[in-house]
Protein backbone atom coordinates (compact mmCIF):
# COMPACT_ATOMS: atom_id res chain seq x y z
CA MET A 1 64.94 -114.86 79.59
CA MET A 2 65.96 -112.01 78.93
CA ARG A 3 64.64 -109.49 81.14
CA ALA A 4 62.80 -105.82 80.46
CA LEU A 5 63.46 -102.35 81.13
CA ARG A 6 62.59 -100.02 83.43
CA TYR A 7 61.33 -96.29 83.22
CA LEU A 8 62.63 -94.37 86.52
CA PRO A 9 61.23 -90.84 87.11
CA LEU A 10 64.02 -89.31 89.35
CA ALA A 11 62.55 -86.21 91.43
CA LEU A 12 65.44 -84.17 92.94
CA THR A 13 64.91 -80.90 95.07
CA PRO A 14 67.80 -78.09 95.15
CA LEU A 15 69.33 -78.73 98.49
CA LEU A 16 72.11 -75.40 98.10
CA PRO A 17 71.75 -72.62 95.90
CA ALA A 18 75.33 -72.34 95.79
CA ALA A 19 75.32 -75.61 93.95
CA LEU A 20 73.72 -73.91 91.01
CA ALA A 21 76.77 -71.85 90.48
CA ALA A 22 79.03 -75.29 90.11
CA GLN A 23 79.86 -77.60 87.45
CA ILE A 24 77.70 -80.78 87.32
CA THR A 25 78.85 -84.34 86.48
CA ILE A 26 76.23 -86.91 85.33
CA THR A 27 77.88 -89.99 85.37
CA PHE A 28 76.03 -92.86 83.91
CA ALA A 29 76.41 -96.97 84.57
CA GLY A 30 74.09 -99.65 83.15
CA ASP A 31 73.27 -102.44 84.99
CA LEU A 32 71.56 -105.90 83.94
CA ASN A 33 69.89 -107.87 86.42
CA GLY A 34 72.43 -106.94 88.75
CA SER A 35 75.43 -107.36 86.78
CA PRO A 36 77.12 -104.30 85.26
CA ILE A 37 76.90 -103.78 81.20
CA ALA A 38 78.82 -100.93 79.20
CA LEU A 39 76.10 -98.25 77.76
CA ASP A 40 76.65 -97.73 73.85
CA SER A 41 75.19 -94.39 73.66
CA ILE A 42 72.79 -92.11 75.99
CA LEU A 43 71.02 -89.35 74.28
CA VAL A 44 70.41 -86.28 76.44
CA GLN A 45 67.28 -84.42 75.94
CA ASN A 46 67.11 -80.86 77.29
CA LEU A 47 62.85 -80.59 77.89
CA ASP A 48 62.38 -76.73 78.79
CA ALA A 49 65.39 -75.53 76.13
CA GLY A 50 65.13 -78.24 73.81
CA GLY A 51 67.93 -79.46 72.09
CA ASP A 52 69.76 -82.76 72.34
CA THR A 53 73.27 -84.39 72.52
CA LEU A 54 74.57 -87.77 72.17
CA LEU A 55 77.39 -89.52 74.35
CA LEU A 56 78.92 -92.34 72.79
CA TYR A 57 81.14 -95.09 74.60
CA PRO A 58 83.21 -95.22 76.14
CA ASP A 59 81.91 -91.16 76.99
CA THR A 60 79.35 -91.98 79.73
CA VAL A 61 79.99 -88.39 81.51
CA LEU A 62 78.23 -85.53 80.77
CA VAL A 63 79.39 -82.29 82.74
CA LEU A 64 76.72 -79.43 82.97
CA GLY A 65 77.22 -75.86 83.29
CA LEU A 66 80.17 -73.75 84.50
CA SER A 67 78.93 -70.60 86.36
CA THR A 68 77.67 -69.06 83.58
CA GLY A 69 74.95 -71.83 83.46
CA MET A 70 75.50 -72.57 79.79
CA ARG A 71 77.45 -75.01 77.86
CA ASP A 72 77.54 -76.58 74.23
CA PHE A 73 77.88 -79.91 73.72
CA ALA A 74 77.09 -80.74 70.69
CA SER A 75 80.20 -79.07 69.11
CA HIS A 76 82.45 -81.77 70.51
CA VAL A 77 84.33 -83.94 68.05
CA ASP A 78 85.04 -87.71 68.39
CA PRO A 79 87.61 -89.53 66.56
CA ILE A 80 84.68 -91.77 65.41
CA ARG A 81 80.95 -90.28 65.25
CA SER A 82 78.01 -91.95 64.62
CA LEU A 83 74.50 -90.88 64.19
CA PRO A 84 72.11 -92.31 64.61
CA ASN A 85 73.40 -94.99 67.11
CA PRO A 86 71.37 -97.52 67.62
CA PHE A 87 69.98 -97.61 63.56
CA ARG A 88 67.66 -98.79 61.56
CA GLY A 89 69.50 -100.45 58.35
CA SER A 90 72.51 -97.32 57.91
CA THR A 91 74.51 -95.00 59.86
CA ASP A 92 76.09 -92.17 58.75
CA MET A 93 79.69 -91.95 60.42
CA GLU A 94 82.19 -88.55 61.13
CA VAL A 95 85.82 -89.26 60.71
CA ALA A 96 88.76 -87.26 62.18
CA SER A 97 91.34 -87.63 60.09
CA THR A 98 94.98 -86.59 60.40
CA GLY A 99 95.90 -87.32 56.65
CA GLY A 100 97.21 -90.58 54.77
CA GLU A 101 95.16 -93.96 54.10
CA MET A 102 92.63 -94.59 55.89
CA LEU A 103 91.45 -98.44 56.56
CA LEU A 104 87.85 -98.52 58.26
CA MET A 105 86.41 -101.91 59.62
CA VAL A 106 83.50 -103.12 60.90
CA HIS A 107 83.24 -106.83 63.23
CA ASP A 108 79.72 -108.19 64.16
CA ALA A 109 79.60 -109.56 67.87
CA THR A 110 81.21 -112.85 67.33
CA GLY A 111 84.66 -110.54 65.76
CA ARG A 112 83.82 -111.83 62.09
CA LEU A 113 84.85 -108.91 59.55
CA VAL A 114 81.15 -107.98 58.04
CA ALA A 115 82.56 -104.82 55.97
CA SER A 116 85.82 -102.61 55.27
CA GLN A 117 86.96 -99.55 53.22
CA ARG A 118 89.99 -98.17 52.44
CA VAL A 119 90.63 -94.47 51.12
CA GLU A 120 93.39 -91.81 50.88
CA ALA A 121 91.97 -89.65 53.06
CA THR A 122 92.49 -85.70 53.06
CA PRO A 123 93.38 -84.38 56.67
CA GLY A 124 89.94 -82.89 58.52
CA GLN A 125 86.64 -85.02 58.85
CA HIS A 126 85.52 -87.55 55.97
CA ARG A 127 82.01 -89.01 55.99
CA PHE A 128 81.24 -92.84 55.73
CA ARG A 129 78.04 -94.64 55.66
CA TYR A 130 77.77 -98.11 57.14
CA THR A 131 74.41 -100.41 56.13
CA SER A 132 74.11 -103.47 58.54
CA GLY A 133 73.24 -106.80 56.84
CA MET A 134 71.98 -108.18 60.57
CA PRO A 135 70.58 -106.63 63.39
CA GLY A 136 72.97 -106.65 66.43
CA LEU A 137 76.09 -105.43 67.96
CA HIS A 138 78.72 -104.30 65.73
CA ILE A 139 82.21 -102.58 66.50
CA VAL A 140 83.63 -99.90 63.59
CA SER A 141 87.17 -99.23 64.01
CA VAL A 142 89.26 -97.09 62.07
CA GLU A 143 93.49 -96.93 61.24
CA GLN A 144 95.40 -94.73 60.46
CA ASN A 145 99.24 -93.30 60.53
CA GLY A 146 99.62 -95.87 63.77
CA GLN A 147 96.23 -94.79 65.15
CA ARG A 148 93.36 -97.11 65.75
CA HIS A 149 89.67 -95.77 67.51
CA ALA A 150 86.79 -97.77 67.33
CA GLN A 151 82.92 -97.24 68.63
CA ARG A 152 80.01 -99.76 68.97
CA LEU A 153 77.17 -99.67 66.76
CA VAL A 154 74.19 -100.87 67.39
CA ALA A 155 71.84 -102.31 64.31
CA VAL A 156 68.08 -102.98 65.15
CA GLU A 157 67.60 -104.36 61.89
CA GLY A 158 69.42 -104.81 58.39
CA THR A 159 69.01 -106.06 55.01
CA GLY A 160 69.20 -109.53 55.71
CA SER A 161 72.41 -110.53 54.28
CA ALA A 162 75.27 -111.88 55.77
CA ASN A 163 77.61 -108.82 55.35
CA GLY A 164 77.32 -105.17 55.56
CA THR A 165 78.51 -102.24 53.48
CA LEU A 166 80.53 -99.13 53.88
CA SER A 167 80.81 -96.44 51.70
CA HIS A 168 82.98 -93.08 51.35
CA LEU A 169 80.71 -90.15 51.05
CA GLY A 170 83.42 -87.75 50.60
CA ALA A 171 85.37 -84.87 52.78
CA GLY A 172 83.74 -82.83 55.26
CA GLY A 173 79.95 -82.34 56.40
CA THR A 174 78.26 -83.44 59.23
CA PRO A 175 76.53 -86.41 59.93
CA THR A 176 72.58 -86.30 60.04
CA LYS A 177 70.83 -87.13 63.11
CA GLU A 178 66.69 -88.72 62.31
CA GLY A 179 67.28 -87.51 58.95
CA ARG A 180 67.78 -83.56 59.82
CA PRO A 181 71.59 -82.02 59.30
CA LYS A 182 73.47 -80.74 62.27
CA SER A 183 72.69 -77.48 61.10
CA ASP A 184 69.34 -77.99 61.32
CA ARG A 185 69.64 -78.73 65.11
CA SER A 186 69.35 -76.88 67.75
CA LEU A 187 72.08 -76.98 69.83
CA PHE A 188 72.27 -78.56 73.51
CA THR A 189 72.65 -76.13 76.29
CA TRP A 190 71.78 -76.18 79.88
CA GLN A 191 71.23 -73.98 82.44
CA PRO A 192 70.08 -74.53 86.35
CA GLY A 193 66.51 -75.38 86.63
CA ASP A 194 65.85 -77.26 82.98
CA GLY A 195 64.76 -80.99 82.80
CA LEU A 196 66.50 -83.16 81.12
CA ARG A 197 65.96 -86.63 79.42
CA TYR A 198 68.39 -89.34 79.33
CA ILE A 199 67.76 -92.27 77.16
CA GLY A 200 69.99 -94.91 77.29
CA TYR A 201 71.24 -98.02 74.94
CA ALA A 202 73.27 -101.09 75.84
CA SER A 203 73.39 -104.57 73.99
CA ASN A 204 74.93 -107.72 74.36
CA ASP A 205 75.19 -110.45 71.38
CA THR A 206 71.67 -111.31 71.61
CA ALA A 207 69.43 -108.52 72.28
CA LEU A 208 69.01 -104.68 72.52
CA PHE A 209 68.54 -102.95 75.89
CA CYS A 210 66.88 -99.41 76.51
CA GLY A 211 65.75 -97.32 79.46
CA VAL A 212 64.61 -93.75 80.33
CA LEU A 213 65.59 -91.44 83.20
CA GLN A 214 64.18 -88.09 83.99
CA GLU A 215 65.66 -85.15 86.21
CA THR A 216 66.21 -81.56 86.68
CA PRO A 217 69.82 -82.34 88.31
CA PHE A 218 71.33 -79.79 90.96
CA LEU A 219 74.12 -82.02 92.18
CA SER A 220 76.79 -84.22 90.92
CA ALA A 221 75.55 -88.20 90.71
CA THR A 222 75.91 -91.37 89.25
CA ARG A 223 72.57 -92.44 87.28
CA THR A 224 72.18 -95.97 86.63
CA PHE A 225 70.11 -97.23 83.92
CA PHE A 226 68.78 -100.31 85.14
CA PHE A 227 67.81 -103.24 82.42
CA TYR A 228 65.85 -106.31 82.44
CA ALA A 229 64.47 -107.75 79.29
CA ALA A 230 65.08 -107.15 75.41
CA ALA A 231 63.75 -103.91 74.09
CA CYS A 232 61.53 -103.86 71.44
CA PRO A 233 64.34 -103.38 68.71
CA GLU A 234 61.49 -101.96 65.72
CA ALA A 235 60.81 -99.44 68.94
CA PRO A 236 63.00 -99.58 71.49
CA THR A 237 61.40 -96.33 73.21
CA VAL A 238 57.88 -94.72 72.66
CA THR A 239 56.22 -90.70 73.04
CA ASP A 240 52.60 -90.09 73.86
CA ILE A 241 50.85 -86.96 73.00
CA ASP A 242 52.19 -85.28 75.85
CA GLY A 243 55.45 -86.36 75.08
CA ASN A 244 56.20 -88.57 77.87
CA MET A 245 58.54 -91.15 76.58
CA TYR A 246 58.63 -95.08 77.77
CA ALA A 247 60.74 -97.72 77.10
CA THR A 248 59.45 -101.18 75.50
CA LEU A 249 60.05 -104.41 76.32
CA ARG A 250 59.84 -107.63 73.96
CA ILE A 251 57.84 -110.84 75.83
CA GLY A 252 57.31 -113.48 73.28
CA ASP A 253 55.81 -111.95 70.00
CA GLN A 254 54.45 -108.94 71.81
CA CYS A 255 55.94 -105.68 72.52
CA TRP A 256 54.91 -103.89 75.57
CA MET A 257 55.33 -100.12 77.05
CA ALA A 258 57.60 -101.25 80.23
CA SER A 259 55.88 -98.45 82.44
CA ASN A 260 52.12 -97.25 83.07
CA LEU A 261 50.65 -94.19 80.69
CA LYS A 262 50.35 -91.20 81.83
CA THR A 263 49.03 -89.32 79.38
CA SER A 264 46.18 -86.62 80.11
CA HIS A 265 45.40 -86.28 76.26
CA TYR A 266 43.90 -88.91 73.30
CA SER A 267 46.25 -89.29 70.58
CA ASP A 268 44.25 -86.82 68.94
CA GLY A 269 44.97 -84.07 71.02
CA SER A 270 41.38 -83.87 72.78
CA GLU A 271 41.68 -83.61 76.47
CA ILE A 272 40.89 -86.08 78.67
CA PRO A 273 39.30 -84.39 81.94
CA ASN A 274 40.60 -84.80 85.59
CA VAL A 275 38.16 -85.74 87.46
CA THR A 276 39.01 -85.32 91.28
CA GLY A 277 35.81 -85.20 93.23
CA ASN A 278 34.93 -88.57 94.50
CA ASN A 279 30.77 -87.74 93.47
CA GLU A 280 31.66 -86.60 89.98
CA TRP A 281 33.98 -90.00 89.59
CA ARG A 282 31.82 -92.43 90.57
CA SER A 283 29.23 -91.22 88.36
CA GLN A 284 31.03 -90.65 85.45
CA ASN A 285 30.04 -92.18 81.95
CA THR A 286 32.71 -90.90 80.04
CA GLY A 287 36.54 -90.76 80.03
CA ALA A 288 38.45 -89.67 82.85
CA TRP A 289 41.34 -89.97 85.11
CA CYS A 290 43.04 -89.26 88.23
CA ASN A 291 46.17 -89.35 90.08
CA TYR A 292 45.92 -91.53 93.31
CA GLU A 293 44.75 -89.60 96.38
CA ASN A 294 45.13 -86.58 93.83
CA ASN A 295 48.78 -86.43 94.30
CA ALA A 296 50.93 -85.77 91.43
CA VAL A 297 53.70 -87.13 93.05
CA HIS A 298 51.84 -90.85 92.95
CA GLY A 299 51.33 -89.79 89.12
CA THR A 300 54.57 -89.61 88.37
CA THR A 301 55.51 -92.77 90.22
CA TYR A 302 52.68 -95.40 89.49
CA GLY A 303 51.01 -93.69 86.01
CA LYS A 304 47.72 -92.37 85.90
CA LEU A 305 44.18 -93.99 86.84
CA TYR A 306 42.16 -93.99 83.97
CA ASN A 307 38.60 -94.97 83.34
CA TRP A 308 37.51 -97.72 80.92
CA PHE A 309 35.88 -94.95 79.06
CA ALA A 310 38.82 -93.19 78.60
CA ALA A 311 40.54 -96.21 77.55
CA MET A 312 37.93 -97.26 75.22
CA ASP A 313 37.44 -93.56 73.77
CA VAL A 314 37.85 -93.96 70.04
CA ARG A 315 40.04 -90.70 69.80
CA GLY A 316 42.64 -93.32 71.64
CA VAL A 317 44.49 -92.93 74.66
CA CYS A 318 47.61 -94.58 73.84
CA PRO A 319 50.16 -93.80 71.12
CA LEU A 320 49.68 -94.17 67.91
CA GLY A 321 50.29 -97.52 66.32
CA TRP A 322 49.58 -99.12 70.09
CA HIS A 323 46.36 -99.93 71.75
CA VAL A 324 45.06 -101.24 75.22
CA PRO A 325 45.65 -104.86 75.44
CA SER A 326 42.28 -107.15 74.78
CA ASP A 327 41.43 -109.78 77.10
CA GLU A 328 42.73 -112.07 74.65
CA GLU A 329 46.12 -110.40 74.47
CA TRP A 330 47.02 -110.44 78.10
CA LYS A 331 46.59 -114.17 77.92
CA GLN A 332 49.11 -114.56 75.46
CA LEU A 333 51.12 -112.38 77.63
CA GLU A 334 50.57 -115.06 80.67
CA ASN A 335 50.86 -117.79 78.42
CA THR A 336 54.33 -116.82 77.18
CA LEU A 337 55.16 -116.61 80.79
CA GLY A 338 54.00 -120.01 81.42
CA ILE A 339 50.12 -119.73 82.89
CA SER A 340 48.84 -123.21 81.24
CA ALA A 341 45.92 -123.27 78.50
CA ASP A 342 43.96 -125.27 80.99
CA GLU A 343 44.28 -122.53 83.65
CA VAL A 344 44.49 -119.08 81.49
CA ASN A 345 40.46 -118.61 81.18
CA ASP A 346 40.05 -118.91 84.57
CA ILE A 347 38.16 -116.11 86.51
CA GLY A 348 40.59 -115.18 89.65
CA VAL A 349 44.34 -115.51 90.74
CA ARG A 350 45.93 -118.23 88.00
CA GLY A 351 49.92 -119.02 87.39
CA GLU A 352 50.90 -119.11 91.11
CA THR A 353 52.47 -122.59 90.71
CA GLU A 354 54.30 -121.00 88.28
CA ASN A 355 55.31 -117.72 89.82
CA VAL A 356 53.77 -115.60 86.78
CA GLY A 357 52.55 -112.75 88.70
CA GLY A 358 55.83 -112.69 90.68
CA MET A 359 57.74 -112.55 87.40
CA MET A 360 55.82 -109.62 86.62
CA LYS A 361 56.42 -107.65 89.64
CA ALA A 362 58.88 -104.79 90.33
CA THR A 363 61.38 -105.96 93.40
CA ALA A 364 60.71 -102.50 94.94
CA SER A 365 58.49 -100.23 95.91
CA TRP A 366 55.81 -103.20 97.46
CA ASN A 367 54.55 -103.51 100.60
CA ALA A 368 55.64 -106.82 102.37
CA PRO A 369 55.40 -109.77 101.69
CA ASN A 370 55.67 -109.11 97.76
CA ALA A 371 55.57 -112.80 96.74
CA GLY A 372 57.49 -114.46 94.47
CA ALA A 373 58.67 -110.87 92.90
CA THR A 374 61.80 -111.37 90.51
CA ASN A 375 60.58 -108.87 87.71
CA GLU A 376 62.03 -111.85 85.17
CA SER A 377 59.32 -110.66 82.63
CA GLY A 378 60.68 -107.08 82.86
CA PHE A 379 56.80 -106.00 83.15
CA SER A 380 57.93 -103.91 86.37
CA GLY A 381 54.36 -103.93 87.67
CA LEU A 382 53.99 -101.52 90.42
CA ALA A 383 51.44 -101.57 93.45
CA SER A 384 49.43 -98.86 91.90
CA GLY A 385 46.16 -98.74 93.57
CA ASN A 386 42.48 -97.84 91.88
CA ARG A 387 39.83 -95.65 92.74
CA ASP A 388 36.55 -97.11 93.16
CA GLY A 389 34.03 -96.49 90.65
CA PHE A 390 30.98 -98.69 92.11
CA SER A 391 30.04 -96.57 95.06
CA ALA A 392 32.20 -93.85 96.75
CA GLY A 393 35.21 -92.95 94.46
CA THR A 394 37.54 -93.36 97.37
CA PHE A 395 40.99 -94.77 96.40
CA PHE A 396 42.46 -97.75 97.61
CA ASN A 397 45.28 -100.61 97.86
CA ALA A 398 48.65 -98.19 96.83
CA GLY A 399 51.58 -100.19 97.77
CA SER A 400 49.56 -103.93 98.28
CA ILE A 401 48.18 -104.33 94.55
CA GLY A 402 48.37 -103.25 90.71
CA TYR A 403 45.31 -102.93 88.53
CA TRP A 404 45.67 -102.90 84.25
CA TRP A 405 42.82 -102.32 82.41
CA SER A 406 41.82 -104.57 79.20
CA SER A 407 39.67 -103.46 76.28
CA SER A 408 37.07 -106.47 76.77
CA ASP A 409 33.71 -105.86 77.99
CA TYR A 410 32.69 -108.51 80.89
CA GLY A 411 29.86 -109.23 79.11
CA GLU A 412 27.49 -108.42 82.34
CA PHE A 413 27.27 -105.94 85.29
CA ASN A 414 28.32 -102.77 83.27
CA TYR A 415 32.02 -104.65 83.30
CA ALA A 416 35.23 -105.29 81.79
CA TRP A 417 38.02 -107.46 82.13
CA TYR A 418 41.20 -106.38 84.04
CA ARG A 419 44.63 -107.69 85.07
CA ARG A 420 45.81 -107.85 88.98
CA LEU A 421 49.05 -108.18 90.70
CA SER A 422 49.25 -108.60 94.22
CA SER A 423 51.72 -108.45 97.37
CA SER A 424 50.02 -111.38 99.14
CA ASN A 425 50.31 -114.09 96.10
CA ALA A 426 52.32 -114.80 93.36
CA GLY A 427 49.75 -115.32 90.29
CA VAL A 428 48.09 -112.90 88.35
CA GLY A 429 44.48 -112.07 88.99
CA ARG A 430 41.59 -112.05 86.09
CA TYR A 431 38.56 -110.41 87.21
CA GLY A 432 35.73 -107.99 85.54
CA TYR A 433 34.97 -104.71 87.91
CA TYR A 434 32.89 -102.20 87.41
CA LYS A 435 33.81 -99.36 84.01
CA ARG A 436 33.96 -96.46 86.64
CA SER A 437 36.58 -97.29 88.20
CA GLY A 438 40.10 -95.98 88.16
CA PHE A 439 43.24 -98.58 87.33
CA CYS A 440 46.05 -98.16 85.06
CA ILE A 441 46.85 -98.49 81.68
CA ARG A 442 49.61 -100.62 80.31
CA CYS A 443 49.76 -100.25 75.92
CA LEU A 444 50.42 -102.80 73.63
CA GLN A 445 51.86 -102.11 69.77
CA ASP A 446 49.45 -102.80 67.45
């Protein structure tokens, strides 16, 4: 089974002010279930200054700033530059020509030639458009004057035909990114203290993988994208109303977020109240959120804790096109991972013999023994703990137990259904509990 992607928030503290004046080198690497995998591309976004830049295979090194604290990477010219990549349907490529006959070829992952174009090219930049017939990994190569360059392309969907098409759009110009000309985009700049987001893509013969990292870099380092399962090809990432980005993962026929929800607003922009006081929390009958122990560091690690009223607010706590999964949709996930139809409707821990809970738990950040943890599904469940909504409004079990709401009413006691993973067993708990409790939310695509 292909396994999931993990969102890894990175928090770094500046150690030496002198480091801010130095050049910072961020080297990117990929890891698929413990084995190295080449990264096809890394999109780097400046979260403070705006702008972005794209690193393309085999260039997976980002060099930030000099003593000026600012450098424009968007002006870098590659022999072949394709945007967007990965792409849906078609992508525009800008190819540097030295003049003379130029041959472009596109091969699929099996080595089969799926498209080619031969043109007499003047010196300078030439634009081509490739439309993919089938999704998956492709290699585009250009040959001219005895030189050959190649680049990986990743199509997340195609036209359905066996072959693709290449067309020459002419000389000059710049490829578009997400429908916008480069001249309309903010150039990527950086200065010390700016927060960066890295969105890494990798692929093999059968699947696309995506990961999201975020940090404020102060020192040179290697950043590794750990991939466990295939991304949803139609939506490798999703962004909430607050701008938090989540990788996605495909489990059976479902598309899940690969990490817990972090938003503090409903999808229409309305604010979800942050309730910190214990008495106020346990008496709340409308939507609210908190961080575990009201500590923002826990919120970065685990995601926020929400009461069920926030989960079910008509304004929508999940991004548009996503929702809080129902009890039945959780059962579908559990069936896919191996819980039998006879057991899936039981209350309590199910699927322990099949190690379904172990498949859903991250292999780190849990207290011992973290029974059965393999993260084979890529769900990357963390022991987020909970906030009691029945009596005291206090916090429990971070490091030992993770809790996730469903959208389904339990039917009595003012309870709703939820799921639970525990360090002490390898199953998945199905229970009902008080709606004022604070649990995590994992969104599911509509």
